[in-house]
């Protein structure tokens, strides 16, 4: 235990007195690299599958399964991100035992929910894939990929949820190494299983599950070792209703964010299929996939800030919370602008990584440019959402998610095609319009809420 208290003191000294820009870079860079590797991890299946001689059916099948990924992430984030933020706030307040109990309950919830989802999704795979937009042509490939992917639900959710506790402690280098091993294994297994073994989409699914299982095992091993500042034990995993309630309350915002992505992906795919057929559906799938090249590294920057925000908020250090927020906003803009410009200027270059079909490329070029047009201002919305999540302001975080996705994007997806002759254009346009409007709402409503919370934080308690 003495060793653990020494590590906690080191954590306090680093988070309470260290240079914010330097620490944020130190913690964000491994997070960004790990997310880039995870991006490669997610895209390598599409790259290999996209060059099979099946007319793009296999690639479309994987794209149709993307909502399942969002759903797994949603449940993992419900317990993982909610638990990690709560645990660091408790640790910042000097309540180590409570922090470990939160982590244990989070991990238990992730494992149990993974088993439950495996059973339900495997049994009802075919009707679910038809609901997600599969046609009679793509249904076999879609069900094959989805059933194998679903069998790995515990591994996938374990990785996405458990690794949040590794990152939240500031162990971003370890998290990056874990993802490196998983990504390398995926890159090695994909061509072997897809081409050499002739397994096609089944091989891609197996490679994904096995490599994510490796990351989950490495993350669990870290949390149960003396290297971790919070130790995962069987006693810490004893269910406590009050602890689970606190986790879910804060984790509901990232959960809802992923669920709305799940719903949006279904709606966008279905709308593109309805108005433009398979070519448009595949084009919007590729546009969404390329947008992940910005979103995922951006989330790595946000993850790097979480420990600084949560710990200093728990310590009631208002000035360091403010400095972290300002630095995070600066870094996100420095990342989003050049990355968005690359997609705006050279979409065809990136699209050819996935497909050589000229009709699909031609359709996807304008989709990529329009879909990412709102990314020039979206860091404002994403940064404040991360701030509210990291500081336990679950209501504000939840409202931001609801407004951007449920109040703006989904209604626009329905309304715009009613008034525009080019229905496919209307479907794609709903994304940048909702992004820009959500930034306006953030500046008008949520930035003042943040400053009000900081004013309350520096007031002495009675």
Protein backbone atom coordinates (compact mmCIF):
# COMPACT_ATOMS: atom_id res chain seq x y z
CA UNK A 1 0.00 0.00 0.00
CA UNK A 2 2.89 2.39 0.70
CA UNK A 3 3.95 2.14 -2.91
CA UNK A 4 0.44 3.06 -4.00
CA UNK A 5 0.36 6.12 -1.75
CA UNK A 6 3.69 7.26 -3.18
CA UNK A 7 2.21 6.98 -6.67
CA UNK A 8 -0.84 8.95 -5.56
CA UNK A 9 1.41 11.71 -4.16
CA UNK A 10 3.31 11.83 -7.45
CA UNK A 11 -0.01 12.09 -9.29
CA UNK A 12 -1.06 14.95 -7.01
CA UNK A 13 2.20 16.83 -7.56
CA UNK A 14 2.04 16.40 -11.34
CA UNK A 15 -1.63 17.32 -11.76
CA UNK A 16 -1.64 20.12 -9.17
CA UNK A 17 1.58 21.96 -10.03
CA UNK A 18 2.93 20.79 -13.38
CA UNK A 19 2.80 22.89 -16.57
CA UNK A 20 -0.66 22.44 -18.11
CA UNK A 21 0.40 22.74 -21.78
CA UNK A 22 3.35 20.41 -21.22
CA UNK A 23 1.28 17.85 -19.30
CA UNK A 24 -1.58 17.98 -21.79
CA UNK A 25 0.84 17.35 -24.66
CA UNK A 26 2.51 14.57 -22.70
CA UNK A 27 -0.81 12.89 -22.01
CA UNK A 28 -2.53 13.66 -25.31
CA UNK A 29 0.20 12.58 -27.74
CA UNK A 30 0.11 8.90 -26.71
CA UNK A 31 -3.69 9.12 -26.70
CA UNK A 32 -3.70 10.54 -30.23
CA UNK A 33 -1.24 7.90 -31.43
CA UNK A 34 -3.32 5.14 -29.86
CA UNK A 35 -6.45 6.50 -31.53
CA UNK A 36 -4.66 6.69 -34.89
CA UNK A 37 -3.62 3.08 -34.44
CA UNK A 38 -7.19 2.24 -33.46
CA UNK A 39 -8.34 4.06 -36.61
CA UNK A 40 -5.95 1.94 -38.65
CA UNK A 41 -7.28 -1.02 -36.72
CA UNK A 42 -10.88 -0.17 -37.73
CA UNK A 43 -10.06 0.76 -41.31
CA UNK A 44 -7.72 -2.05 -42.24
CA UNK A 45 -10.69 -4.43 -42.57
CA UNK A 46 -12.34 -2.01 -44.99
CA UNK A 47 -9.12 -1.55 -46.96
CA UNK A 48 -8.64 -5.28 -47.50
CA UNK A 49 -12.32 -6.10 -47.95
CA UNK A 50 -12.81 -3.17 -50.36
CA UNK A 51 -10.53 -4.85 -52.88
CA UNK A 52 -12.33 -8.17 -52.97
CA UNK A 53 -13.93 -8.97 -56.32
CA UNK A 54 -17.51 -8.98 -55.08
CA UNK A 55 -18.80 -5.65 -56.37
CA UNK A 56 -18.38 -3.96 -53.01
CA UNK A 57 -20.89 -6.21 -51.19
CA UNK A 58 -18.41 -7.20 -48.48
CA UNK A 59 -17.42 -3.57 -47.90
CA UNK A 60 -21.08 -2.57 -47.68
CA UNK A 61 -21.70 -5.44 -45.23
CA UNK A 62 -19.02 -4.13 -42.85
CA UNK A 63 -20.39 -0.60 -43.23
CA UNK A 64 -23.87 -1.82 -42.32
CA UNK A 65 -22.43 -3.35 -39.14
CA UNK A 66 -20.99 0.01 -38.05
CA UNK A 67 -24.09 0.80 -35.92
CA UNK A 68 -23.37 -2.35 -33.88
CA UNK A 69 -19.91 -0.93 -33.16
CA UNK A 70 -21.52 2.30 -31.97
CA UNK A 71 -23.86 0.30 -29.74
CA UNK A 72 -21.02 -1.67 -28.16
CA UNK A 73 -19.09 1.57 -27.64
CA UNK A 74 -22.17 3.17 -26.09
CA UNK A 75 -22.47 0.54 -23.38
CA UNK A 76 -18.70 0.46 -22.81
CA UNK A 77 -18.61 4.27 -22.46
CA UNK A 78 -21.66 4.24 -20.16
CA UNK A 79 -19.62 2.36 -17.57
CA UNK A 80 -16.07 3.15 -18.72
CA UNK A 81 -16.05 6.91 -19.29
CA UNK A 82 -18.61 7.57 -16.58
CA UNK A 83 -16.67 5.43 -14.13
CA UNK A 84 -13.24 6.81 -15.07
CA UNK A 85 -14.33 10.43 -14.63
CA UNK A 86 -16.05 9.68 -11.30
CA UNK A 87 -13.01 7.74 -10.05
CA UNK A 88 -10.57 10.56 -10.84
CA UNK A 89 -12.82 13.14 -9.18
CA UNK A 90 -12.87 10.97 -6.05
CA UNK A 91 -9.11 10.45 -6.20
CA UNK A 92 -8.60 14.20 -6.57
CA UNK A 93 -10.62 14.61 -3.36
CA UNK A 94 -8.42 12.08 -1.55
CA UNK A 95 -11.02 9.27 -1.50
CA UNK A 96 -8.99 6.40 -2.93
CA UNK A 97 -11.17 3.51 -1.68
CA UNK A 98 -14.26 5.04 -3.29
CA UNK A 99 -12.34 5.49 -6.56
CA UNK A 100 -11.35 1.80 -6.62
CA UNK A 101 -14.93 0.74 -5.85
CA UNK A 102 -16.13 2.83 -8.79
CA UNK A 103 -13.58 1.19 -11.09
CA UNK A 104 -14.49 -2.31 -9.90
CA UNK A 105 -18.22 -1.77 -10.40
CA UNK A 106 -17.59 -0.31 -13.84
CA UNK A 107 -15.53 -3.30 -15.00
CA UNK A 108 -18.11 -5.78 -13.63
CA UNK A 109 -20.92 -3.94 -15.46
CA UNK A 110 -18.99 -3.98 -18.74
CA UNK A 111 -18.37 -7.74 -18.55
CA UNK A 112 -21.96 -8.65 -17.62
CA UNK A 113 -23.54 -6.42 -20.26
CA UNK A 114 -21.15 -7.84 -22.89
CA UNK A 115 -22.36 -11.37 -22.25
CA UNK A 116 -25.99 -10.30 -22.41
CA UNK A 117 -25.54 -8.45 -25.70
CA UNK A 118 -23.74 -11.42 -27.25
CA UNK A 119 -26.72 -13.70 -26.64
CA UNK A 120 -29.37 -11.26 -27.92
CA UNK A 121 -27.53 -10.02 -31.02
CA UNK A 122 -26.34 -13.46 -32.12
CA UNK A 123 -29.82 -14.99 -31.94
CA UNK A 124 -31.52 -12.11 -33.79
CA UNK A 125 -28.69 -11.31 -36.22
CA UNK A 126 -30.67 -11.65 -39.45
CA UNK A 127 -33.69 -9.44 -38.62
CA UNK A 128 -31.34 -6.89 -37.06
CA UNK A 129 -29.23 -6.67 -40.23
CA UNK A 130 -32.35 -6.24 -42.39
CA UNK A 131 -33.39 -3.45 -40.03
CA UNK A 132 -29.96 -1.82 -40.42
CA UNK A 133 -30.42 -1.65 -44.18
CA UNK A 134 -29.12 -4.94 -45.58
CA UNK A 135 -30.63 -6.09 -48.85
CA UNK A 136 -31.14 -9.66 -50.10
CA UNK A 137 -27.82 -9.29 -51.89
CA UNK A 138 -25.79 -8.20 -48.84
CA UNK A 139 -27.64 -10.05 -46.06
CA UNK A 140 -25.46 -13.19 -45.99
CA UNK A 141 -22.18 -11.29 -45.75
CA UNK A 142 -23.67 -8.88 -43.19
CA UNK A 143 -24.99 -11.62 -40.91
CA UNK A 144 -21.72 -13.56 -41.12
CA UNK A 145 -19.64 -10.54 -40.09
CA UNK A 146 -22.10 -9.44 -37.40
CA UNK A 147 -22.41 -12.85 -35.70
CA UNK A 148 -18.67 -13.33 -35.39
CA UNK A 149 -18.22 -9.73 -34.28
CA UNK A 150 -20.99 -10.19 -31.70
CA UNK A 151 -19.28 -13.26 -30.21
CA UNK A 152 -16.46 -10.92 -29.27
CA UNK A 153 -18.72 -8.40 -27.51
CA UNK A 154 -17.08 -8.95 -24.12
CA UNK A 155 -13.62 -8.43 -25.62
CA UNK A 156 -14.64 -5.38 -27.66
CA UNK A 157 -16.51 -3.70 -24.83
CA UNK A 158 -13.88 -4.74 -22.32
CA UNK A 159 -11.24 -3.03 -24.41
CA UNK A 160 -13.25 0.16 -25.07
CA UNK A 161 -14.43 0.49 -21.46
CA UNK A 162 -11.57 -0.84 -19.34
CA UNK A 163 -8.85 1.10 -21.16
CA UNK A 164 -10.57 4.33 -20.03
CA UNK A 165 -9.26 3.64 -16.51
CA UNK A 166 -5.73 3.20 -17.84
CA UNK A 167 -5.91 6.50 -19.72
CA UNK A 168 -7.62 8.42 -16.91
CA UNK A 169 -4.70 7.69 -14.56
CA UNK A 170 -2.32 9.38 -16.97
CA UNK A 171 -0.94 6.02 -18.17
CA UNK A 172 -1.44 7.01 -21.80
CA UNK A 173 1.88 5.48 -22.89
CA UNK A 174 0.80 2.10 -21.58
CA UNK A 175 -2.58 2.47 -23.30
CA UNK A 176 -0.79 3.35 -26.54
CA UNK A 177 1.43 0.25 -26.27
CA UNK A 178 -1.61 -1.96 -25.72
CA UNK A 179 -3.29 -0.54 -28.83
CA UNK A 180 -0.05 -0.94 -30.82
CA UNK A 181 0.00 -4.66 -30.03
CA UNK A 182 -3.67 -5.03 -30.93
CA UNK A 183 -3.38 -3.05 -34.16
CA UNK A 184 -0.27 -4.98 -35.22
CA UNK A 185 -2.03 -8.29 -34.59
CA UNK A 186 -5.04 -7.12 -36.61
CA UNK A 187 -2.87 -6.03 -39.56
CA UNK A 188 -1.10 -9.40 -39.52
CA UNK A 189 -4.24 -11.53 -39.19
CA UNK A 190 -6.41 -9.69 -41.74
CA UNK A 191 -4.63 -10.66 -44.99
CA UNK A 192 -3.97 -14.18 -43.68
CA UNK A 193 -7.59 -14.87 -42.78
CA UNK A 194 -9.28 -12.84 -45.54
CA UNK A 195 -7.16 -13.91 -48.51
CA UNK A 196 -4.85 -16.83 -47.69
CA UNK A 197 -7.52 -18.73 -45.75
CA UNK A 198 -10.25 -17.51 -48.11
CA UNK A 199 -12.54 -16.48 -45.25
CA UNK A 200 -13.56 -13.05 -46.60
CA UNK A 201 -15.69 -11.02 -44.19
CA UNK A 202 -15.58 -13.84 -41.63
CA UNK A 203 -11.80 -13.55 -41.52
CA UNK A 204 -12.02 -9.78 -41.03
CA UNK A 205 -14.41 -10.24 -38.11
CA UNK A 206 -12.22 -12.89 -36.46
CA UNK A 207 -9.11 -10.71 -36.79
CA UNK A 208 -10.94 -7.77 -35.19
CA UNK A 209 -12.23 -9.78 -32.24
CA UNK A 210 -8.92 -11.52 -31.50
CA UNK A 211 -6.89 -8.31 -31.61
CA UNK A 212 -9.34 -6.43 -29.40
CA UNK A 213 -9.34 -9.34 -26.95
CA UNK A 214 -5.57 -8.88 -26.64
CA UNK A 215 -5.98 -5.19 -25.77
CA UNK A 216 -8.68 -6.00 -23.19
CA UNK A 217 -6.45 -8.60 -21.51
CA UNK A 218 -3.47 -6.21 -21.42
CA UNK A 219 -5.63 -3.44 -19.93
CA UNK A 220 -7.04 -5.74 -17.24
CA UNK A 221 -3.55 -6.98 -16.43
CA UNK A 222 -2.36 -3.41 -15.94
CA UNK A 223 -5.23 -2.50 -13.61
CA UNK A 224 -4.62 -5.56 -11.44
CA UNK A 225 -0.87 -4.87 -11.16
CA UNK A 226 1.15 -2.61 -8.88
CA UNK A 227 1.82 -0.31 -11.84
CA UNK A 228 -1.73 1.00 -11.57
CA UNK A 229 -2.54 3.86 -9.19
CA UNK A 230 -5.98 2.29 -8.70
CA UNK A 231 -5.96 -1.47 -8.15
CA UNK A 232 -8.73 -3.67 -9.56
CA UNK A 233 -9.61 -6.45 -7.10
CA UNK A 234 -12.47 -8.89 -6.66
CA UNK A 235 -13.59 -7.00 -3.54
CA UNK A 236 -13.72 -3.72 -5.48
CA UNK A 237 -16.02 -5.43 -8.01
CA UNK A 238 -18.67 -6.13 -5.36
CA UNK A 239 -21.87 -4.53 -6.76
CA UNK A 240 -23.08 -1.39 -4.99
CA UNK A 241 -26.27 0.27 -6.20
CA UNK A 242 -25.20 3.76 -5.12
CA UNK A 243 -21.88 3.42 -6.96
CA UNK A 244 -23.53 2.06 -10.12
CA UNK A 245 -26.04 4.91 -10.05
CA UNK A 246 -23.25 7.49 -9.84
CA UNK A 247 -21.39 5.82 -12.74
CA UNK A 248 -24.44 5.59 -14.99
CA UNK A 249 -25.56 9.15 -14.24
CA UNK A 250 -22.29 10.59 -15.53
CA UNK A 251 -21.73 7.94 -18.21
CA UNK A 252 -25.17 8.44 -19.73
CA UNK A 253 -23.96 11.38 -21.85
CA UNK A 254 -21.23 9.47 -23.74
CA UNK A 255 -23.64 6.53 -23.88
CA UNK A 256 -26.30 8.67 -25.49
CA UNK A 257 -23.74 10.20 -27.85
CA UNK A 258 -22.87 6.75 -29.18
CA UNK A 259 -26.52 5.67 -29.28
CA UNK A 260 -27.42 8.73 -31.33
CA UNK A 261 -24.52 7.89 -33.66
CA UNK A 262 -26.03 4.41 -33.85
CA UNK A 263 -29.45 5.82 -34.76
CA UNK A 264 -27.98 8.41 -37.13
CA UNK A 265 -25.90 5.83 -38.95
CA UNK A 266 -28.99 3.72 -39.51
CA UNK A 267 -31.00 6.74 -40.66
CA UNK A 268 -28.29 8.09 -42.95
CA UNK A 269 -27.63 4.69 -44.55
CA UNK A 270 -31.34 4.05 -45.02
CA UNK A 271 -31.95 7.52 -46.47
CA UNK A 272 -28.99 7.28 -48.85
CA UNK A 273 -30.13 3.82 -49.93
CA UNK A 274 -33.71 5.05 -50.42
CA UNK A 275 -32.83 8.11 -52.49
CA UNK A 276 -29.66 7.01 -54.28
CA UNK A 277 -29.34 3.20 -54.12
CA UNK A 278 -26.26 1.13 -53.27
CA UNK A 279 -23.79 3.62 -54.79
CA UNK A 280 -24.99 6.47 -52.57
CA UNK A 281 -25.18 4.19 -49.51
CA UNK A 282 -21.58 3.10 -50.06
CA UNK A 283 -20.52 6.70 -50.74
CA UNK A 284 -21.90 7.97 -47.43
CA UNK A 285 -20.38 4.96 -45.64
CA UNK A 286 -16.96 5.99 -46.97
CA UNK A 287 -17.56 9.64 -46.03
CA UNK A 288 -18.35 8.62 -42.46
CA UNK A 289 -15.31 6.32 -42.39
CA UNK A 290 -12.99 9.14 -43.49
CA UNK A 291 -14.50 11.53 -40.95
CA UNK A 292 -13.37 9.05 -38.31
CA UNK A 293 -9.80 9.95 -39.30
CA UNK A 294 -10.48 13.28 -37.57
CA UNK A 295 -12.86 12.26 -34.80
CA UNK A 296 -10.79 9.44 -33.36
CA UNK A 297 -7.45 11.27 -32.92
CA UNK A 298 -9.47 14.23 -31.61
CA UNK A 299 -10.93 11.96 -28.95
CA UNK A 300 -7.36 11.05 -28.01
CA UNK A 301 -6.66 14.71 -27.28
CA UNK A 302 -9.82 14.90 -25.17
CA UNK A 303 -8.89 11.73 -23.30
CA UNK A 304 -5.52 13.26 -22.48
CA UNK A 305 -7.30 16.18 -20.83
CA UNK A 306 -9.74 14.14 -18.76
CA UNK A 307 -7.38 13.30 -15.89
CA UNK A 308 -6.23 16.93 -15.58
CA UNK A 309 -9.79 18.26 -15.63
CA UNK A 310 -11.26 15.64 -13.29
CA UNK A 311 -8.44 15.66 -10.73
CA UNK A 312 -8.20 19.45 -10.47
CA UNK A 313 -11.98 19.82 -10.37
CA UNK A 314 -12.07 17.30 -7.53
CA UNK A 315 -9.32 19.33 -5.82
CA UNK A 316 -11.34 22.54 -6.40
CA UNK A 317 -8.43 24.11 -8.30
CA UNK A 318 -10.41 26.52 -10.49
CA UNK A 319 -7.42 28.17 -12.18
CA UNK A 320 -5.98 24.87 -13.43
CA UNK A 321 -9.35 23.69 -14.70
CA UNK A 322 -9.66 26.96 -16.67
CA UNK A 323 -6.12 26.69 -18.03
CA UNK A 324 -6.68 23.07 -19.10
CA UNK A 325 -9.94 24.02 -20.86
CA UNK A 326 -8.29 26.87 -22.79
CA UNK A 327 -5.29 24.77 -23.77
CA UNK A 328 -7.53 21.88 -24.87
CA UNK A 329 -9.58 24.20 -27.10
CA UNK A 330 -6.40 25.56 -28.70
CA UNK A 331 -5.01 22.08 -29.40
CA UNK A 332 -8.28 20.84 -30.88
CA UNK A 333 -8.44 23.72 -33.34
CA UNK A 334 -4.79 23.16 -34.30
CA UNK A 335 -5.70 19.56 -35.07
CA UNK A 336 -9.11 19.94 -36.73
CA UNK A 337 -8.24 22.68 -39.22
CA UNK A 338 -5.36 21.03 -41.13
CA UNK A 339 -6.99 17.60 -41.01
CA UNK A 340 -10.26 18.94 -42.39
CA UNK A 341 -8.39 20.84 -45.11
CA UNK A 342 -6.72 17.60 -46.24
CA UNK A 343 -10.11 15.93 -46.70
CA UNK A 344 -11.50 19.01 -48.44
CA UNK A 345 -8.59 19.27 -50.89
CA UNK A 346 -7.73 15.61 -51.55
CA UNK A 347 -10.81 13.42 -50.93
CA UNK A 348 -10.16 11.21 -53.96
CA UNK A 349 -6.68 10.34 -52.72
CA UNK A 350 -8.10 8.97 -49.48
CA UNK A 351 -11.11 7.29 -51.09
CA UNK A 352 -8.87 5.23 -53.38
CA UNK A 353 -7.44 3.56 -50.29
CA UNK A 354 -10.81 1.83 -49.86
CA UNK A 355 -12.10 1.29 -53.38
CA UNK A 356 -11.12 1.55 -57.03
CA UNK A 357 -14.75 1.71 -58.25
CA UNK A 358 -14.94 4.98 -60.24
CA UNK A 359 -18.71 5.40 -59.74
CA UNK A 360 -18.39 5.07 -55.96
CA UNK A 361 -15.41 7.44 -55.85
CA UNK A 362 -17.21 10.07 -57.92
CA UNK A 363 -20.24 9.93 -55.65
CA UNK A 364 -18.20 9.95 -52.45
CA UNK A 365 -15.94 12.93 -53.32
CA UNK A 366 -18.62 15.59 -52.88
CA UNK A 367 -20.09 13.70 -49.92
CA UNK A 368 -16.78 13.80 -48.03
CA UNK A 369 -16.35 17.54 -48.65
CA UNK A 370 -19.87 18.42 -47.57
CA UNK A 371 -20.05 15.99 -44.64
CA UNK A 372 -16.92 17.48 -43.04
CA UNK A 373 -17.65 21.14 -43.82
CA UNK A 374 -18.75 21.87 -40.25
CA UNK A 375 -15.56 20.46 -38.77
CA UNK A 376 -13.86 23.88 -38.92
CA UNK A 377 -15.91 25.05 -35.92
CA UNK A 378 -16.98 21.82 -34.23
CA UNK A 379 -14.06 21.77 -31.70
CA UNK A 380 -15.96 24.36 -29.65
CA UNK A 381 -18.82 21.92 -29.12
CA UNK A 382 -16.70 18.83 -28.54
CA UNK A 383 -14.33 20.52 -26.07
CA UNK A 384 -17.07 21.86 -23.82
CA UNK A 385 -18.83 18.53 -23.92
CA UNK A 386 -15.60 16.89 -22.73
CA UNK A 387 -15.17 19.52 -20.01
CA UNK A 388 -18.66 18.89 -18.62
CA UNK A 389 -18.10 15.12 -18.74
CA UNK A 390 -14.72 15.35 -16.96
CA UNK A 391 -16.02 17.65 -14.21
CA UNK A 392 -19.13 15.63 -13.38
CA UNK A 393 -21.60 18.10 -14.92
CA UNK A 394 -23.76 15.34 -16.34
CA UNK A 395 -26.84 17.47 -17.05
CA UNK A 396 -25.00 20.00 -19.19
CA UNK A 397 -23.10 17.24 -21.01
CA UNK A 398 -26.32 15.34 -21.66
CA UNK A 399 -28.08 18.44 -22.99
CA UNK A 400 -25.26 19.10 -25.44
CA UNK A 401 -25.54 15.59 -26.83
CA UNK A 402 -29.33 15.78 -27.09
CA UNK A 403 -29.30 19.16 -28.85
CA UNK A 404 -26.66 18.27 -31.43
CA UNK A 405 -28.01 14.86 -32.39
CA UNK A 406 -31.66 14.53 -31.38
CA UNK A 407 -32.83 18.12 -31.66
CA UNK A 408 -30.79 19.15 -34.72
CA UNK A 409 -29.30 16.36 -36.82
CA UNK A 410 -32.04 13.73 -36.86
CA UNK A 411 -34.89 16.22 -37.55
CA UNK A 412 -32.80 17.87 -40.29
CA UNK A 413 -32.24 14.45 -41.83
CA UNK A 414 -36.00 14.14 -42.20
CA UNK A 415 -36.92 17.76 -42.97
CA UNK A 416 -34.32 18.79 -45.56
CA UNK A 417 -35.24 16.11 -48.14
CA UNK A 418 -38.82 17.41 -48.04
CA UNK A 419 -37.74 20.80 -49.41
CA UNK A 420 -34.77 19.96 -51.64
CA UNK A 421 -35.04 18.36 -55.09
CA UNK A 422 -31.71 16.54 -54.65
CA UNK A 423 -32.62 14.18 -51.79
CA UNK A 424 -29.16 12.65 -51.40
CA UNK A 425 -27.64 16.13 -51.14
CA UNK A 426 -30.18 16.94 -48.44
CA UNK A 427 -29.21 13.84 -46.44
CA UNK A 428 -25.51 14.74 -46.47
CA UNK A 429 -26.19 18.45 -45.84
CA UNK A 430 -27.92 17.63 -42.54
CA UNK A 431 -24.51 16.84 -40.98
CA UNK A 432 -22.67 20.19 -41.44
CA UNK A 433 -25.82 22.22 -40.73
CA UNK A 434 -26.33 20.43 -37.40
CA UNK A 435 -22.62 20.80 -36.55
CA UNK A 436 -22.65 24.56 -37.11
CA UNK A 437 -25.94 25.13 -35.29
CA UNK A 438 -24.73 23.08 -32.31
CA UNK A 439 -21.67 25.34 -32.03
CA UNK A 440 -23.93 28.41 -32.00
CA UNK A 441 -26.00 26.86 -29.19
CA UNK A 442 -22.82 25.98 -27.27
CA UNK A 443 -21.50 29.55 -27.45
CA UNK A 444 -24.83 31.08 -26.42
CA UNK A 445 -25.91 28.61 -23.72
CA UNK A 446 -23.15 26.31 -22.50
CA UNK A 447 -20.06 28.52 -22.36
CA UNK A 448 -21.82 30.76 -19.77
CA UNK A 449 -22.74 27.63 -17.78
CA UNK A 450 -19.08 26.63 -17.67
CA UNK A 451 -17.98 30.04 -16.38
CA UNK A 452 -20.75 29.97 -13.77
CA UNK A 453 -19.54 26.57 -12.53
CA UNK A 454 -15.97 27.86 -12.31
CA UNK A 455 -17.14 30.87 -10.31
CA UNK A 456 -18.90 28.54 -7.87
CA UNK A 457 -15.84 26.32 -7.65
CA UNK A 458 -13.54 29.05 -6.35
CA UNK A 459 -16.02 30.21 -3.73
CA UNK A 460 -15.14 28.92 -0.23
CA UNK A 461 -17.48 26.32 1.25
CA UNK A 462 -19.55 27.25 4.28
